Amino acid sequence: METINIHAAKTQLSRLLDAVAAGEEVVIAKAGKPVARLVPIGQEPKPRQLGLLAGKIHVPENFDEPLPEEILAEFEGR
């Protein structure tokens, strides 16, 4: 994915459109901050694939219990 500032995008629009037509994404930035993304028309986002980490993550039984006082003190800067 290419990032380009607005001024350069104005002068290179044809090249950018060719790149997008070839399947690339182009991010247009203003003062270095992304503001827009050029993508080919009809390009659908990839569907999320559920269950990729099934069996790889273990959530302990006490996950939602209150934290011990000494850990809370660390978070609160006490």
PDB file of N, CA and C in Angstrom:
ATOM      1  N   MET A   1       0.855  -1.167   0.000  1.00  0.00           N
ATOM      2  CA  MET A   1       0.000   0.000   0.000  1.00  0.00           C
ATOM      3  C   MET A   1       0.901   1.229   0.000  1.00  0.00           C
ATOM      4  N   GLU A   2       0.671   2.074  -0.951  1.00  0.00           N
ATOM      5  CA  GLU A   2       1.472   3.291  -1.106  1.00  0.00           C
ATOM      6  C   GLU A   2       0.767   4.451  -0.414  1.00  0.00           C
ATOM      7  N   THR A   3       1.531   5.286   0.276  1.00  0.00           N
ATOM      8  CA  THR A   3       0.992   6.503   0.884  1.00  0.00           C
ATOM      9  C   THR A   3       1.621   7.693   0.173  1.00  0.00           C
ATOM     10  N   ILE A   4       0.767   8.641  -0.206  1.00  0.00           N
ATOM     11  CA  ILE A   4       1.248   9.786  -0.967  1.00  0.00           C
ATOM     12  C   ILE A   4       0.523  11.039  -0.473  1.00  0.00           C
ATOM     13  N   ASN A   5       1.225  12.161  -0.420  1.00  0.00           N
ATOM     14  CA  ASN A   5       0.615  13.415   0.019  1.00  0.00           C
ATOM     15  C   ASN A   5      -0.238  14.011  -1.100  1.00  0.00           C
ATOM     16  N   ILE A   6      -1.162  14.878  -0.710  1.00  0.00           N
ATOM     17  CA  ILE A   6      -2.143  15.426  -1.651  1.00  0.00           C
ATOM     18  C   ILE A   6      -1.477  16.110  -2.841  1.00  0.00           C
ATOM     19  N   HIS A   7      -0.462  16.936  -2.597  1.00  0.00           N
ATOM     20  CA  HIS A   7       0.187  17.656  -3.696  1.00  0.00           C
ATOM     21  C   HIS A   7       0.752  16.677  -4.725  1.00  0.00           C
ATOM     22  N   ALA A   8       1.435  15.645  -4.269  1.00  0.00           N
ATOM     23  CA  ALA A   8       1.995  14.656  -5.187  1.00  0.00           C
ATOM     24  C   ALA A   8       0.881  13.876  -5.874  1.00  0.00           C
ATOM     25  N   ALA A   9      -0.209  13.597  -5.164  1.00  0.00           N
ATOM     26  CA  ALA A   9      -1.327  12.859  -5.755  1.00  0.00           C
ATOM     27  C   ALA A   9      -1.950  13.646  -6.903  1.00  0.00           C
ATOM     28  N   LYS A  10      -2.015  14.973  -6.752  1.00  0.00           N
ATOM     29  CA  LYS A  10      -2.570  15.809  -7.827  1.00  0.00           C
ATOM     30  C   LYS A  10      -1.739  15.681  -9.098  1.00  0.00           C
ATOM     31  N   THR A  11      -0.432  15.669  -8.937  1.00  0.00           N
ATOM     32  CA  THR A  11       0.436  15.648 -10.115  1.00  0.00           C
ATOM     33  C   THR A  11       0.617  14.243 -10.679  1.00  0.00           C
ATOM     34  N   GLN A  12       0.292  13.215  -9.890  1.00  0.00           N
ATOM     35  CA  GLN A  12       0.522  11.831 -10.329  1.00  0.00           C
ATOM     36  C   GLN A  12      -0.770  11.015 -10.396  1.00  0.00           C
ATOM     37  N   LEU A  13      -1.893  11.693 -10.575  1.00  0.00           N
ATOM     38  CA  LEU A  13      -3.180  11.008 -10.525  1.00  0.00           C
ATOM     39  C   LEU A  13      -3.285   9.862 -11.534  1.00  0.00           C
ATOM     40  N   SER A  14      -2.832  10.070 -12.751  1.00  0.00           N
ATOM     41  CA  SER A  14      -2.930   9.005 -13.762  1.00  0.00           C
ATOM     42  C   SER A  14      -2.143   7.774 -13.329  1.00  0.00           C
ATOM     43  N   ARG A  15      -0.936   7.976 -12.812  1.00  0.00           N
ATOM     44  CA  ARG A  15      -0.119   6.847 -12.361  1.00  0.00           C
ATOM     45  C   ARG A  15      -0.794   6.140 -11.189  1.00  0.00           C
ATOM     46  N   LEU A  16      -1.358   6.912 -10.279  1.00  0.00           N
ATOM     47  CA  LEU A  16      -2.028   6.325  -9.121  1.00  0.00           C
ATOM     48  C   LEU A  16      -3.239   5.502  -9.554  1.00  0.00           C
ATOM     49  N   LEU A  17      -4.007   6.020 -10.503  1.00  0.00           N
ATOM     50  CA  LEU A  17      -5.164   5.279 -10.994  1.00  0.00           C
ATOM     51  C   LEU A  17      -4.744   3.988 -11.682  1.00  0.00           C
ATOM     52  N   ASP A  18      -3.630   4.011 -12.408  1.00  0.00           N
ATOM     53  CA  ASP A  18      -3.124   2.782 -13.024  1.00  0.00           C
ATOM     54  C   ASP A  18      -2.749   1.761 -11.954  1.00  0.00           C
ATOM     55  N   ALA A  19      -2.123   2.225 -10.883  1.00  0.00           N
ATOM     56  CA  ALA A  19      -1.736   1.329  -9.794  1.00  0.00           C
ATOM     57  C   ALA A  19      -2.977   0.735  -9.117  1.00  0.00           C
ATOM     58  N   VAL A  20      -3.990   1.564  -8.920  1.00  0.00           N
ATOM     59  CA  VAL A  20      -5.226   1.085  -8.298  1.00  0.00           C
ATOM     60  C   VAL A  20      -5.923   0.081  -9.213  1.00  0.00           C
ATOM     61  N   ALA A  21      -5.945   0.363 -10.512  1.00  0.00           N
ATOM     62  CA  ALA A  21      -6.562  -0.560 -11.458  1.00  0.00           C
ATOM     63  C   ALA A  21      -5.846  -1.905 -11.475  1.00  0.00           C
ATOM     64  N   ALA A  22      -4.548  -1.898 -11.131  1.00  0.00           N
ATOM     65  CA  ALA A  22      -3.771  -3.138 -11.080  1.00  0.00           C
ATOM     66  C   ALA A  22      -3.958  -3.869  -9.755  1.00  0.00           C
ATOM     67  N   GLY A  23      -4.797  -3.319  -8.869  1.00  0.00           N
ATOM     68  CA  GLY A  23      -5.100  -4.003  -7.617  1.00  0.00           C
ATOM     69  C   GLY A  23      -4.449  -3.442  -6.374  1.00  0.00           C
ATOM     70  N   GLU A  24      -3.652  -2.401  -6.518  1.00  0.00           N
ATOM     71  CA  GLU A  24      -2.991  -1.805  -5.349  1.00  0.00           C
ATOM     72  C   GLU A  24      -3.946  -0.853  -4.631  1.00  0.00           C
ATOM     73  N   GLU A  25      -3.658  -0.599  -3.369  1.00  0.00           N
ATOM     74  CA  GLU A  25      -4.362   0.428  -2.619  1.00  0.00           C
ATOM     75  C   GLU A  25      -3.417   1.608  -2.464  1.00  0.00           C
ATOM     76  N   VAL A  26      -3.959   2.812  -2.548  1.00  0.00           N
ATOM     77  CA  VAL A  26      -3.171   4.022  -2.388  1.00  0.00           C
ATOM     78  C   VAL A  26      -3.825   4.867  -1.302  1.00  0.00           C
ATOM     79  N   VAL A  27      -3.043   5.286  -0.326  1.00  0.00           N
ATOM     80  CA  VAL A  27      -3.535   6.152   0.738  1.00  0.00           C
ATOM     81  C   VAL A  27      -3.077   7.577   0.437  1.00  0.00           C
ATOM     82  N   ILE A  28      -4.026   8.513   0.484  1.00  0.00           N
ATOM     83  CA  ILE A  28      -3.701   9.919   0.266  1.00  0.00           C
ATOM     84  C   ILE A  28      -3.678  10.592   1.630  1.00  0.00           C
ATOM     85  N   ALA A  29      -2.582  11.304   1.887  1.00  0.00           N
ATOM     86  CA  ALA A  29      -2.380  11.927   3.197  1.00  0.00           C
ATOM     87  C   ALA A  29      -2.323  13.446   3.062  1.00  0.00           C
ATOM     88  N   LYS A  30      -2.730  14.109   4.137  1.00  0.00           N
ATOM     89  CA  LYS A  30      -2.621  15.563   4.213  1.00  0.00           C
ATOM     90  C   LYS A  30      -1.730  15.868   5.401  1.00  0.00           C
ATOM     91  N   ALA A  31      -0.602  16.498   5.144  1.00  0.00           N
ATOM     92  CA  ALA A  31       0.398  16.790   6.176  1.00  0.00           C
ATOM     93  C   ALA A  31       0.816  15.513   6.900  1.00  0.00           C
ATOM     94  N   GLY A  32       0.911  14.421   6.142  1.00  0.00           N
ATOM     95  CA  GLY A  32       1.379  13.157   6.705  1.00  0.00           C
ATOM     96  C   GLY A  32       0.311  12.317   7.378  1.00  0.00           C
ATOM     97  N   LYS A  33      -0.912  12.847   7.516  1.00  0.00           N
ATOM     98  CA  LYS A  33      -1.998  12.107   8.150  1.00  0.00           C
ATOM     99  C   LYS A  33      -2.907  11.531   7.075  1.00  0.00           C
ATOM    100  N   PRO A  34      -3.155  10.219   7.071  1.00  0.00           N
ATOM    101  CA  PRO A  34      -4.030   9.607   6.062  1.00  0.00           C
ATOM    102  C   PRO A  34      -5.437  10.202   6.121  1.00  0.00           C
ATOM    103  N   VAL A  35      -5.971  10.542   4.934  1.00  0.00           N
ATOM    104  CA  VAL A  35      -7.328  11.092   4.867  1.00  0.00           C
ATOM    105  C   VAL A  35      -8.232  10.337   3.897  1.00  0.00           C
ATOM    106  N   ALA A  36      -7.652   9.594   2.953  1.00  0.00           N
ATOM    107  CA  ALA A  36      -8.462   8.875   1.976  1.00  0.00           C
ATOM    108  C   ALA A  36      -7.692   7.659   1.473  1.00  0.00           C
ATOM    109  N   ARG A  37      -8.457   6.684   0.969  1.00  0.00           N
ATOM    110  CA  ARG A  37      -7.837   5.487   0.404  1.00  0.00           C
ATOM    111  C   ARG A  37      -8.464   5.232  -0.960  1.00  0.00           C
ATOM    112  N   LEU A  38      -7.618   5.076  -1.975  1.00  0.00           N
ATOM    113  CA  LEU A  38      -8.076   4.729  -3.311  1.00  0.00           C
ATOM    114  C   LEU A  38      -8.005   3.216  -3.457  1.00  0.00           C
ATOM    115  N   VAL A  39      -9.128   2.625  -3.816  1.00  0.00           N
ATOM    116  CA  VAL A  39      -9.181   1.174  -4.034  1.00  0.00           C
ATOM    117  C   VAL A  39      -9.951   0.929  -5.322  1.00  0.00           C
ATOM    118  N   PRO A  40      -9.713  -0.201  -5.963  1.00  0.00           N
ATOM    119  CA  PRO A  40     -10.464  -0.493  -7.184  1.00  0.00           C
ATOM    120  C   PRO A  40     -11.961  -0.611  -6.890  1.00  0.00           C
ATOM    121  N   ILE A  41     -12.787  -0.162  -7.815  1.00  0.00           N
ATOM    122  CA  ILE A  41     -14.241  -0.304  -7.664  1.00  0.00           C
ATOM    123  C   ILE A  41     -14.576  -1.787  -7.673  1.00  0.00           C
ATOM    124  N   GLY A  42     -15.467  -2.146  -6.777  1.00  0.00           N
ATOM    125  CA  GLY A  42     -15.892  -3.537  -6.717  1.00  0.00           C
ATOM    126  C   GLY A  42     -15.026  -4.397  -5.824  1.00  0.00           C
ATOM    127  N   GLN A  43     -13.956  -3.839  -5.292  1.00  0.00           N
ATOM    128  CA  GLN A  43     -13.107  -4.611  -4.404  1.00  0.00           C
ATOM    129  C   GLN A  43     -13.811  -4.741  -3.069  1.00  0.00           C
ATOM    130  N   GLU A  44     -14.147  -5.959  -2.732  1.00  0.00           N
ATOM    131  CA  GLU A  44     -14.831  -6.238  -1.478  1.00  0.00           C
ATOM    132  C   GLU A  44     -13.784  -6.505  -0.405  1.00  0.00           C
ATOM    133  N   PRO A  45     -14.053  -6.089   0.818  1.00  0.00           N
ATOM    134  CA  PRO A  45     -13.118  -6.447   1.883  1.00  0.00           C
ATOM    135  C   PRO A  45     -13.108  -7.963   2.063  1.00  0.00           C
ATOM    136  N   LYS A  46     -11.964  -8.490   2.434  1.00  0.00           N
ATOM    137  CA  LYS A  46     -11.862  -9.927   2.641  1.00  0.00           C
ATOM    138  C   LYS A  46     -12.757 -10.324   3.810  1.00  0.00           C
ATOM    139  N   PRO A  47     -13.547 -11.374   3.637  1.00  0.00           N
ATOM    140  CA  PRO A  47     -14.410 -11.782   4.744  1.00  0.00           C
ATOM    141  C   PRO A  47     -13.582 -12.260   5.925  1.00  0.00           C
ATOM    142  N   ARG A  48     -14.069 -11.950   7.106  1.00  0.00           N
ATOM    143  CA  ARG A  48     -13.367 -12.377   8.311  1.00  0.00           C
ATOM    144  C   ARG A  48     -13.530 -13.884   8.452  1.00  0.00           C
ATOM    145  N   GLN A  49     -12.450 -14.521   8.792  1.00  0.00           N
ATOM    146  CA  GLN A  49     -12.476 -15.958   8.968  1.00  0.00           C
ATOM    147  C   GLN A  49     -12.520 -16.264  10.461  1.00  0.00           C
ATOM    148  N   LEU A  50     -13.655 -16.771  10.898  1.00  0.00           N
ATOM    149  CA  LEU A  50     -13.844 -17.041  12.305  1.00  0.00           C
ATOM    150  C   LEU A  50     -13.161 -18.348  12.698  1.00  0.00           C
ATOM    151  N   GLY A  51     -12.711 -18.405  13.935  1.00  0.00           N
ATOM    152  CA  GLY A  51     -12.156 -19.641  14.468  1.00  0.00           C
ATOM    153  C   GLY A  51     -10.692 -19.873  14.167  1.00  0.00           C
ATOM    154  N   LEU A  52      -9.978 -18.868  13.693  1.00  0.00           N
ATOM    155  CA  LEU A  52      -8.561 -19.065  13.362  1.00  0.00           C
ATOM    156  C   LEU A  52      -7.729 -19.456  14.584  1.00  0.00           C
ATOM    157  N   LEU A  53      -8.104 -18.970  15.748  1.00  0.00           N
ATOM    158  CA  LEU A  53      -7.326 -19.252  16.957  1.00  0.00           C
ATOM    159  C   LEU A  53      -8.010 -20.274  17.863  1.00  0.00           C
ATOM    160  N   ALA A  54      -8.971 -20.993  17.318  1.00  0.00           N
ATOM    161  CA  ALA A  54      -9.677 -21.996  18.126  1.00  0.00           C
ATOM    162  C   ALA A  54      -8.685 -22.999  18.697  1.00  0.00           C
ATOM    163  N   GLY A  55      -8.763 -23.201  20.007  1.00  0.00           N
ATOM    164  CA  GLY A  55      -7.879 -24.149  20.671  1.00  0.00           C
ATOM    165  C   GLY A  55      -6.503 -23.600  21.005  1.00  0.00           C
ATOM    166  N   LYS A  56      -6.197 -22.367  20.590  1.00  0.00           N
ATOM    167  CA  LYS A  56      -4.871 -21.790  20.826  1.00  0.00           C
ATOM    168  C   LYS A  56      -4.877 -20.786  21.971  1.00  0.00           C
ATOM    169  N   ILE A  57      -6.054 -20.351  22.375  1.00  0.00           N
ATOM    170  CA  ILE A  57      -6.163 -19.367  23.444  1.00  0.00           C
ATOM    171  C   ILE A  57      -6.945 -19.987  24.596  1.00  0.00           C
ATOM    172  N   HIS A  58      -6.429 -19.796  25.799  1.00  0.00           N
ATOM    173  CA  HIS A  58      -7.100 -20.309  26.987  1.00  0.00           C
ATOM    174  C   HIS A  58      -7.492 -19.133  27.877  1.00  0.00           C
ATOM    175  N   VAL A  59      -8.769 -19.044  28.205  1.00  0.00           N
ATOM    176  CA  VAL A  59      -9.255 -18.004  29.102  1.00  0.00           C
ATOM    177  C   VAL A  59      -9.500 -18.664  30.450  1.00  0.00           C
ATOM    178  N   PRO A  60      -8.770 -18.240  31.493  1.00  0.00           N
ATOM    179  CA  PRO A  60      -8.933 -18.878  32.804  1.00  0.00           C
ATOM    180  C   PRO A  60     -10.321 -18.619  33.392  1.00  0.00           C
ATOM    181  N   GLU A  61     -10.735 -19.508  34.278  1.00  0.00           N
ATOM    182  CA  GLU A  61     -12.051 -19.399  34.918  1.00  0.00           C
ATOM    183  C   GLU A  61     -12.201 -18.083  35.693  1.00  0.00           C
ATOM    184  N   ASN A  62     -11.109 -17.590  36.282  1.00  0.00           N
ATOM    185  CA  ASN A  62     -11.180 -16.377  37.098  1.00  0.00           C
ATOM    186  C   ASN A  62     -10.917 -15.104  36.288  1.00  0.00           C
ATOM    187  N   PHE A  63     -11.109 -15.146  34.985  1.00  0.00           N
ATOM    188  CA  PHE A  63     -10.800 -14.017  34.097  1.00  0.00           C
ATOM    189  C   PHE A  63     -11.493 -12.727  34.518  1.00  0.00           C
ATOM    190  N   ASP A  64     -12.755 -12.814  34.905  1.00  0.00           N
ATOM    191  CA  ASP A  64     -13.503 -11.591  35.194  1.00  0.00           C
ATOM    192  C   ASP A  64     -13.625 -11.274  36.688  1.00  0.00           C
ATOM    193  N   GLU A  65     -12.820 -11.919  37.503  1.00  0.00           N
ATOM    194  CA  GLU A  65     -12.811 -11.604  38.930  1.00  0.00           C
ATOM    195  C   GLU A  65     -12.009 -10.319  39.166  1.00  0.00           C
ATOM    196  N   PRO A  66     -12.291  -9.603  40.256  1.00  0.00           N
ATOM    197  CA  PRO A  66     -11.526  -8.377  40.547  1.00  0.00           C
ATOM    198  C   PRO A  66     -10.031  -8.675  40.703  1.00  0.00           C
ATOM    199  N   LEU A  67      -9.214  -7.716  40.311  1.00  0.00           N
ATOM    200  CA  LEU A  67      -7.767  -7.871  40.432  1.00  0.00           C
ATOM    201  C   LEU A  67      -7.351  -7.774  41.900  1.00  0.00           C
ATOM    202  N   PRO A  68      -6.244  -8.433  42.248  1.00  0.00           N
ATOM    203  CA  PRO A  68      -5.722  -8.298  43.613  1.00  0.00           C
ATOM    204  C   PRO A  68      -5.336  -6.841  43.893  1.00  0.00           C
ATOM    205  N   GLU A  69      -5.378  -6.462  45.164  1.00  0.00           N
ATOM    206  CA  GLU A  69      -5.124  -5.081  45.572  1.00  0.00           C
ATOM    207  C   GLU A  69      -3.750  -4.583  45.124  1.00  0.00           C
ATOM    208  N   GLU A  70      -2.708  -5.423  45.195  1.00  0.00           N
ATOM    209  CA  GLU A  70      -1.362  -4.965  44.816  1.00  0.00           C
ATOM    210  C   GLU A  70      -1.271  -4.657  43.320  1.00  0.00           C
ATOM    211  N   ILE A  71      -2.007  -5.377  42.485  1.00  0.00           N
ATOM    212  CA  ILE A  71      -1.993  -5.086  41.044  1.00  0.00           C
ATOM    213  C   ILE A  71      -2.788  -3.813  40.767  1.00  0.00           C
ATOM    214  N   LEU A  72      -3.932  -3.649  41.428  1.00  0.00           N
ATOM    215  CA  LEU A  72      -4.700  -2.410  41.277  1.00  0.00           C
ATOM    216  C   LEU A  72      -3.871  -1.200  41.693  1.00  0.00           C
ATOM    217  N   ALA A  73      -3.118  -1.336  42.761  1.00  0.00           N
ATOM    218  CA  ALA A  73      -2.269  -0.235  43.224  1.00  0.00           C
ATOM    219  C   ALA A  73      -1.244   0.151  42.162  1.00  0.00           C
ATOM    220  N   GLU A  74      -0.684  -0.837  41.463  1.00  0.00           N
ATOM    221  CA  GLU A  74       0.289  -0.551  40.396  1.00  0.00           C
ATOM    222  C   GLU A  74      -0.371   0.236  39.264  1.00  0.00           C
ATOM    223  N   PHE A  75      -1.583  -0.172  38.872  1.00  0.00           N
ATOM    224  CA  PHE A  75      -2.286   0.534  37.802  1.00  0.00           C
ATOM    225  C   PHE A  75      -2.599   1.965  38.217  1.00  0.00           C
ATOM    226  N   GLU A  76      -2.947   2.166  39.457  1.00  0.00           N
ATOM    227  CA  GLU A  76      -3.354   3.481  39.926  1.00  0.00           C
ATOM    228  C   GLU A  76      -2.186   4.321  40.419  1.00  0.00           C
ATOM    229  N   GLY A  77      -0.960   3.791  40.370  1.00  0.00           N
ATOM    230  CA  GLY A  77       0.213   4.545  40.763  1.00  0.00           C
ATOM    231  C   GLY A  77       0.352   4.734  42.261  1.00  0.00           C
ATOM    232  N   ARG A  78      -0.219   3.821  43.030  1.00  0.00           N
ATOM    233  CA  ARG A  78      -0.110   3.926  44.495  1.00  0.00           C
ATOM    234  C   ARG A  78       1.103   3.200  44.997  1.00  0.00           C
TER     235      ARG A  78
END
